[in-house]
Amino acid sequence: MNKEQLKRSVYKHFRIQPAAQWYEPDGKLRGSIDDAWILMAATEKSFILRNRPSDHTIELGFDSYVGFTEDPGGKVSHGTDGILVLKAQLYMHNGVLKFAPTIAPGKELRDFTPPQTRKSFTGVLTARFDAQDLERRRAEFYAGPWGQEITRNFQELGDAIKAFIAEIRAAEPRAMIRFHRYKGGYLVFAQGWYVTFQLGGIGLPGDAYLSIIKWHGCPTLPGIIGGFTATPGGEQCYQYRLVRIDEAGWVDKRKPEVALTSRDVLERLFAELFENPSSDSELEWRLSED
């Protein structure tokens, strides 16, 4: 696939080689993640990739693109259209997606430590005022009906999760499912997956969304010390927004015309969990259950 063919592949899903790396705040490599990426844009000079599970985006120059490899297995397991071979190592550090050039195409960086970025004086000032502006926006959000509405829906979701789990247990006593409330969200364990339910993008009304993420291993959460090796698992990361301020329910941001109840959201999630159990199915649940 040459540059012109890649430009015609916008919105297609791909795996990348080398796979993206995830680093701890101290610069220690946590591991590589074989995620799916969406080609969001491609111009004469650059292209933009978006990580499908996390929504992080990055712009790369076309000199970072080396070629394309067919990947029939990835079509089945990831729903992707092939592999983009890059001469760039994408990596996540401190919640920011970055890249470093590599010498050989498709070869993962080794013995690499993410560099720390020194903030300029103006950068410090800007960051401070940005933080103040964010706090103001959050206060305005929570003071208005949108904040109250999405918070109410999220609180009710916890009760809906418990009721849905009770139904599953009644129908199939062998199903091993656990549920735990933590400060700011919910944690479910089923079929070897840890699943978090959180509100994200709290700022202006249009920014807020419900985020549901599957994990390999228990993630570290408020009041929960998880494993250092916990990573987002598979390709399923669901994000939902409120239907409208005066209307109950959620919408998948990719299909905003279809209103979903909390029950619809949970059925979709648990069907996927039971159809595609984690290879970590032997992991043990060590938390108290709500």
Protein backbone atom coordinates (compact mmCIF):
# COMPACT_ATOMS: atom_id res chain seq x y z
CA MET A 1 0.00 0.00 0.00
CA ASN A 2 1.57 3.27 -1.13
CA LYS A 3 0.86 6.76 0.12
CA GLU A 4 -2.08 7.33 -2.24
CA GLN A 5 -3.67 4.01 -1.26
CA LEU A 6 -3.23 4.85 2.42
CA LYS A 7 -4.95 8.21 1.89
CA ARG A 8 -7.94 6.30 0.52
CA SER A 9 -8.03 4.08 3.64
CA VAL A 10 -9.23 6.75 6.09
CA TYR A 11 -11.45 5.32 8.86
CA LYS A 12 -10.19 1.78 8.30
CA HIS A 13 -8.86 -0.13 11.30
CA PHE A 14 -5.30 -1.47 11.41
CA ARG A 15 -2.79 -3.11 13.71
CA ILE A 16 0.63 -1.45 13.82
CA GLN A 17 4.16 -2.79 13.91
CA PRO A 18 5.98 -2.17 16.18
CA ALA A 19 3.16 -2.43 18.71
CA ALA A 20 2.69 0.51 21.05
CA GLN A 21 4.51 0.45 24.39
CA TRP A 22 3.16 1.51 27.79
CA TYR A 23 5.48 2.98 30.42
CA GLU A 24 5.09 3.55 34.15
CA PRO A 25 5.47 7.17 35.41
CA ASP A 26 9.04 6.33 36.48
CA GLY A 27 9.90 5.32 32.91
CA LYS A 28 9.80 1.56 33.46
CA LEU A 29 8.40 -0.37 30.51
CA ARG A 30 5.08 -1.99 31.43
CA GLY A 31 4.69 -3.87 28.17
CA SER A 32 3.54 -3.70 24.56
CA ILE A 33 -0.12 -3.58 23.55
CA ASP A 34 -1.31 -5.15 20.31
CA ASP A 35 -4.26 -2.78 19.86
CA ALA A 36 -6.27 -1.74 16.84
CA TRP A 37 -5.80 1.77 15.44
CA ILE A 38 -8.10 3.82 13.24
CA LEU A 39 -6.65 5.92 10.42
CA MET A 40 -8.41 9.23 11.05
CA ALA A 41 -6.79 11.40 8.36
CA ALA A 42 -4.04 11.34 5.75
CA THR A 43 -2.59 14.29 3.85
CA GLU A 44 0.44 14.69 1.62
CA LYS A 45 2.73 15.18 4.60
CA SER A 46 1.22 13.35 7.57
CA PHE A 47 -1.40 10.93 8.86
CA ILE A 48 -3.31 10.60 12.13
CA LEU A 49 -3.93 7.39 14.06
CA ARG A 50 -6.43 6.93 16.89
CA ASN A 51 -6.12 4.11 19.39
CA ARG A 52 -9.46 2.32 19.25
CA PRO A 53 -9.70 1.28 22.93
CA SER A 54 -8.37 4.48 24.55
CA ASP A 55 -9.27 7.19 21.99
CA HIS A 56 -5.75 8.68 22.13
CA THR A 57 -4.63 10.16 18.80
CA ILE A 58 -1.24 10.96 17.32
CA GLU A 59 -0.05 12.61 14.11
CA LEU A 60 2.95 11.12 12.29
CA GLY A 61 4.87 12.33 9.28
CA PHE A 62 4.67 10.13 6.20
CA ASP A 63 8.37 9.36 6.61
CA SER A 64 7.27 7.20 9.56
CA TYR A 65 5.16 4.99 7.27
CA VAL A 66 7.11 2.13 5.67
CA GLY A 67 4.53 -0.20 4.24
CA PHE A 68 1.51 -2.47 4.65
CA THR A 69 1.16 -6.18 5.39
CA GLU A 70 -1.95 -8.30 4.87
CA ASP A 71 -3.19 -9.86 8.12
CA PRO A 72 -6.10 -12.33 7.66
CA GLY A 73 -5.84 -13.46 11.29
CA GLY A 74 -6.14 -9.89 12.53
CA LYS A 75 -9.35 -9.49 10.54
CA VAL A 76 -10.88 -12.28 12.61
CA SER A 77 -9.40 -11.48 16.03
CA HIS A 78 -9.24 -7.66 15.89
CA GLY A 79 -11.58 -6.64 13.08
CA THR A 80 -8.64 -4.92 11.38
CA ASP A 81 -7.73 -4.54 7.71
CA GLY A 82 -4.03 -5.34 7.91
CA ILE A 83 -0.84 -4.12 9.56
CA LEU A 84 0.79 -0.72 9.08
CA VAL A 85 4.56 -1.10 9.33
CA LEU A 86 6.10 2.00 10.87
CA LYS A 87 9.57 3.37 11.46
CA ALA A 88 8.31 4.90 14.70
CA GLN A 89 7.71 3.54 18.18
CA LEU A 90 4.43 4.76 19.64
CA TYR A 91 4.41 4.82 23.42
CA MET A 92 2.18 5.95 26.27
CA HIS A 93 3.77 7.78 29.20
CA ASN A 94 2.04 9.81 31.90
CA GLY A 95 -1.24 9.57 30.01
CA VAL A 96 0.22 11.10 26.82
CA LEU A 97 0.68 9.23 23.53
CA LYS A 98 4.07 10.03 21.95
CA PHE A 99 6.46 8.51 19.43
CA ALA A 100 10.18 7.98 18.95
CA PRO A 101 11.89 7.19 15.62
CA THR A 102 13.27 3.70 15.15
CA ILE A 103 16.25 2.59 13.09
CA ALA A 104 14.66 -0.49 11.53
CA PRO A 105 11.07 -0.62 10.18
CA GLY A 106 8.67 -2.49 12.43
CA LYS A 107 11.33 -3.15 15.09
CA GLU A 108 10.40 -2.38 18.69
CA LEU A 109 12.57 0.02 20.65
CA ARG A 110 14.64 -1.62 23.38
CA ASP A 111 16.47 -0.07 26.34
CA PHE A 112 14.47 3.11 25.81
CA THR A 113 13.54 5.54 28.58
CA PRO A 114 10.86 8.17 27.84
CA PRO A 115 12.45 11.60 28.13
CA GLN A 116 11.04 14.15 30.55
CA THR A 117 9.80 17.36 28.95
CA ARG A 118 11.00 20.54 30.61
CA LYS A 119 8.27 23.14 30.76
CA SER A 120 9.10 26.67 29.74
CA PHE A 121 8.04 29.59 31.92
CA THR A 122 5.19 30.39 29.55
CA GLY A 123 4.28 26.70 29.55
CA VAL A 124 3.99 26.73 33.33
CA LEU A 125 1.77 29.82 33.16
CA THR A 126 -0.42 28.32 30.46
CA ALA A 127 -0.77 25.03 32.36
CA ARG A 128 -1.79 26.92 35.49
CA PHE A 129 -4.47 28.96 33.74
CA ASP A 130 -5.64 25.90 31.82
CA ALA A 131 -6.08 24.09 35.14
CA GLN A 132 -8.05 27.01 36.57
CA ASP A 133 -10.22 27.14 33.46
CA LEU A 134 -10.87 23.39 33.71
CA GLU A 135 -11.93 23.74 37.34
CA ARG A 136 -14.30 26.55 36.38
CA ARG A 137 -15.81 24.47 33.58
CA ARG A 138 -16.24 21.52 35.92
CA ALA A 139 -17.97 23.70 38.50
CA GLU A 140 -20.32 25.06 35.84
CA PHE A 141 -21.00 21.55 34.60
CA TYR A 142 -21.89 20.16 38.02
CA ALA A 143 -23.99 23.21 38.84
CA GLY A 144 -26.15 22.66 35.76
CA PRO A 145 -28.66 19.94 34.90
CA TRP A 146 -26.25 17.98 32.67
CA GLY A 147 -23.95 17.23 35.57
CA GLN A 148 -26.84 16.17 37.77
CA GLU A 149 -28.35 14.06 35.00
CA ILE A 150 -25.25 12.08 34.03
CA THR A 151 -24.35 11.61 37.71
CA ARG A 152 -27.86 10.30 38.42
CA ASN A 153 -27.70 7.94 35.43
CA PHE A 154 -24.30 6.69 36.56
CA GLN A 155 -25.50 6.05 40.12
CA GLU A 156 -28.50 4.14 38.80
CA LEU A 157 -26.16 2.13 36.55
CA GLY A 158 -24.53 0.60 39.64
CA ASP A 159 -27.88 -0.75 40.82
CA ALA A 160 -28.63 -1.98 37.29
CA ILE A 161 -25.31 -3.89 37.22
CA LYS A 162 -26.13 -5.61 40.53
CA ALA A 163 -29.61 -6.56 39.34
CA PHE A 164 -28.28 -7.88 36.02
CA ILE A 165 -25.62 -9.98 37.79
CA ALA A 166 -28.33 -11.43 40.06
CA GLU A 167 -30.30 -12.49 36.96
CA ILE A 168 -27.25 -14.18 35.47
CA ARG A 169 -26.53 -16.04 38.72
CA ALA A 170 -30.15 -17.18 38.97
CA ALA A 171 -30.13 -18.47 35.39
CA GLU A 172 -26.67 -20.07 35.62
CA PRO A 173 -25.30 -20.70 39.14
CA ARG A 174 -21.94 -21.73 37.67
CA ALA A 175 -21.30 -18.21 36.35
CA MET A 176 -18.59 -16.58 38.46
CA ILE A 177 -19.18 -12.82 38.50
CA ARG A 178 -18.08 -10.30 41.11
CA PHE A 179 -19.00 -6.64 41.63
CA HIS A 180 -17.28 -3.91 43.66
CA ARG A 181 -18.05 -0.20 44.08
CA TYR A 182 -15.07 2.08 44.47
CA LYS A 183 -14.80 5.84 44.76
CA GLY A 184 -15.73 7.15 41.35
CA GLY A 185 -16.82 3.97 39.63
CA TYR A 186 -17.64 0.26 39.52
CA LEU A 187 -15.48 -2.83 39.00
CA VAL A 188 -16.81 -6.13 37.63
CA PHE A 189 -14.96 -9.44 37.31
CA ALA A 190 -16.35 -11.96 34.81
CA GLN A 191 -14.88 -14.61 32.52
CA GLY A 192 -11.35 -13.65 33.57
CA TRP A 193 -11.87 -9.97 32.67
CA TYR A 194 -11.79 -7.03 35.05
CA VAL A 195 -14.14 -4.33 33.75
CA THR A 196 -14.23 -0.72 34.94
CA PHE A 197 -17.18 1.65 34.67
CA GLN A 198 -16.25 5.33 35.01
CA LEU A 199 -17.35 8.77 33.93
CA GLY A 200 -14.82 10.53 31.73
CA GLY A 201 -14.48 13.88 30.03
CA ILE A 202 -16.11 15.79 32.85
CA GLY A 203 -15.95 19.39 31.72
CA LEU A 204 -18.49 20.94 29.42
CA PRO A 205 -21.77 19.03 28.98
CA GLY A 206 -20.81 17.64 25.59
CA ASP A 207 -17.52 16.25 26.93
CA ALA A 208 -18.88 13.86 29.57
CA TYR A 209 -19.24 10.17 28.74
CA LEU A 210 -19.55 6.73 30.31
CA SER A 211 -16.39 4.68 29.74
CA ILE A 212 -16.38 0.88 30.05
CA ILE A 213 -12.98 -0.78 29.70
CA LYS A 214 -11.90 -4.43 29.90
CA TRP A 215 -8.60 -5.18 31.66
CA HIS A 216 -6.07 -7.99 31.78
CA GLY A 217 -5.48 -8.05 35.52
CA CYS A 218 -6.91 -5.80 38.20
CA PRO A 219 -6.12 -2.11 37.51
CA THR A 220 -5.09 0.29 40.26
CA LEU A 221 -8.13 2.35 41.22
CA PRO A 222 -9.11 4.67 44.10
CA GLY A 223 -8.90 2.49 47.20
CA ILE A 224 -7.74 -0.53 45.17
CA ILE A 225 -4.11 -1.51 44.71
CA GLY A 226 -4.10 -3.44 41.46
CA GLY A 227 -1.33 -5.23 39.62
CA PHE A 228 1.44 -3.31 37.91
CA THR A 229 0.95 -5.48 34.83
CA ALA A 230 -2.75 -4.66 34.38
CA THR A 231 -3.38 -3.44 30.84
CA PRO A 232 -6.46 -2.62 28.75
CA GLY A 233 -7.51 -5.89 27.19
CA GLY A 234 -8.71 -6.76 23.73
CA GLU A 235 -10.27 -4.16 21.51
CA GLN A 236 -13.57 -3.56 23.28
CA CYS A 237 -13.78 -0.16 24.93
CA TYR A 238 -17.31 1.18 25.09
CA GLN A 239 -18.10 4.87 25.39
CA TYR A 240 -21.62 6.19 25.84
CA ARG A 241 -23.10 9.66 26.20
CA LEU A 242 -26.46 10.76 27.54
CA VAL A 243 -29.28 10.71 25.02
CA ARG A 244 -30.55 14.19 25.95
CA ILE A 245 -30.96 16.20 29.09
CA ASP A 246 -34.69 15.42 29.25
CA GLU A 247 -34.45 11.81 28.09
CA ALA A 248 -33.19 8.78 30.00
CA GLY A 249 -30.61 6.45 28.52
CA TRP A 250 -27.33 6.35 26.65
CA VAL A 251 -26.10 6.51 23.07
CA ASP A 252 -23.04 4.92 21.51
CA LYS A 253 -21.12 7.90 20.13
CA ARG A 254 -20.66 5.98 16.88
CA LYS A 255 -24.46 5.49 16.57
CA PRO A 256 -26.01 8.58 18.16
CA GLU A 257 -29.39 7.90 16.56
CA VAL A 258 -29.97 4.73 18.62
CA ALA A 259 -31.06 5.29 22.25
CA LEU A 260 -29.98 2.57 24.71
CA THR A 261 -31.14 1.78 28.21
CA SER A 262 -28.66 0.74 30.90
CA ARG A 263 -29.98 -2.78 30.35
CA ASP A 264 -29.05 -2.59 26.65
CA VAL A 265 -25.54 -1.43 27.55
CA LEU A 266 -25.04 -4.28 30.02
CA GLU A 267 -26.42 -6.97 27.71
CA ARG A 268 -24.01 -5.87 24.99
CA LEU A 269 -21.06 -5.93 27.39
CA PHE A 270 -21.78 -9.27 29.10
CA ALA A 271 -22.55 -11.01 25.81
CA GLU A 272 -19.08 -10.00 24.62
CA LEU A 273 -17.45 -11.11 27.90
CA PHE A 274 -19.01 -14.58 27.81
CA GLU A 275 -18.41 -15.07 24.08
CA ASN A 276 -14.75 -14.03 24.39
CA PRO A 277 -13.42 -15.05 27.83
CA SER A 278 -9.99 -13.82 28.86
CA SER A 279 -7.00 -16.13 28.81
CA ASP A 280 -6.48 -14.92 32.40
CA SER A 281 -9.52 -16.90 33.57
CA GLU A 282 -7.56 -18.42 36.47
CA LEU A 283 -7.10 -15.03 38.15
CA GLU A 284 -8.63 -14.75 41.59
CA TRP A 285 -10.96 -12.09 42.92
CA ARG A 286 -9.47 -10.64 46.12
CA LEU A 287 -11.80 -7.70 46.79
CA SER A 288 -14.90 -7.40 48.90
CA GLU A 289 -18.13 -7.65 46.94
CA ASP A 290 -20.77 -4.93 47.09
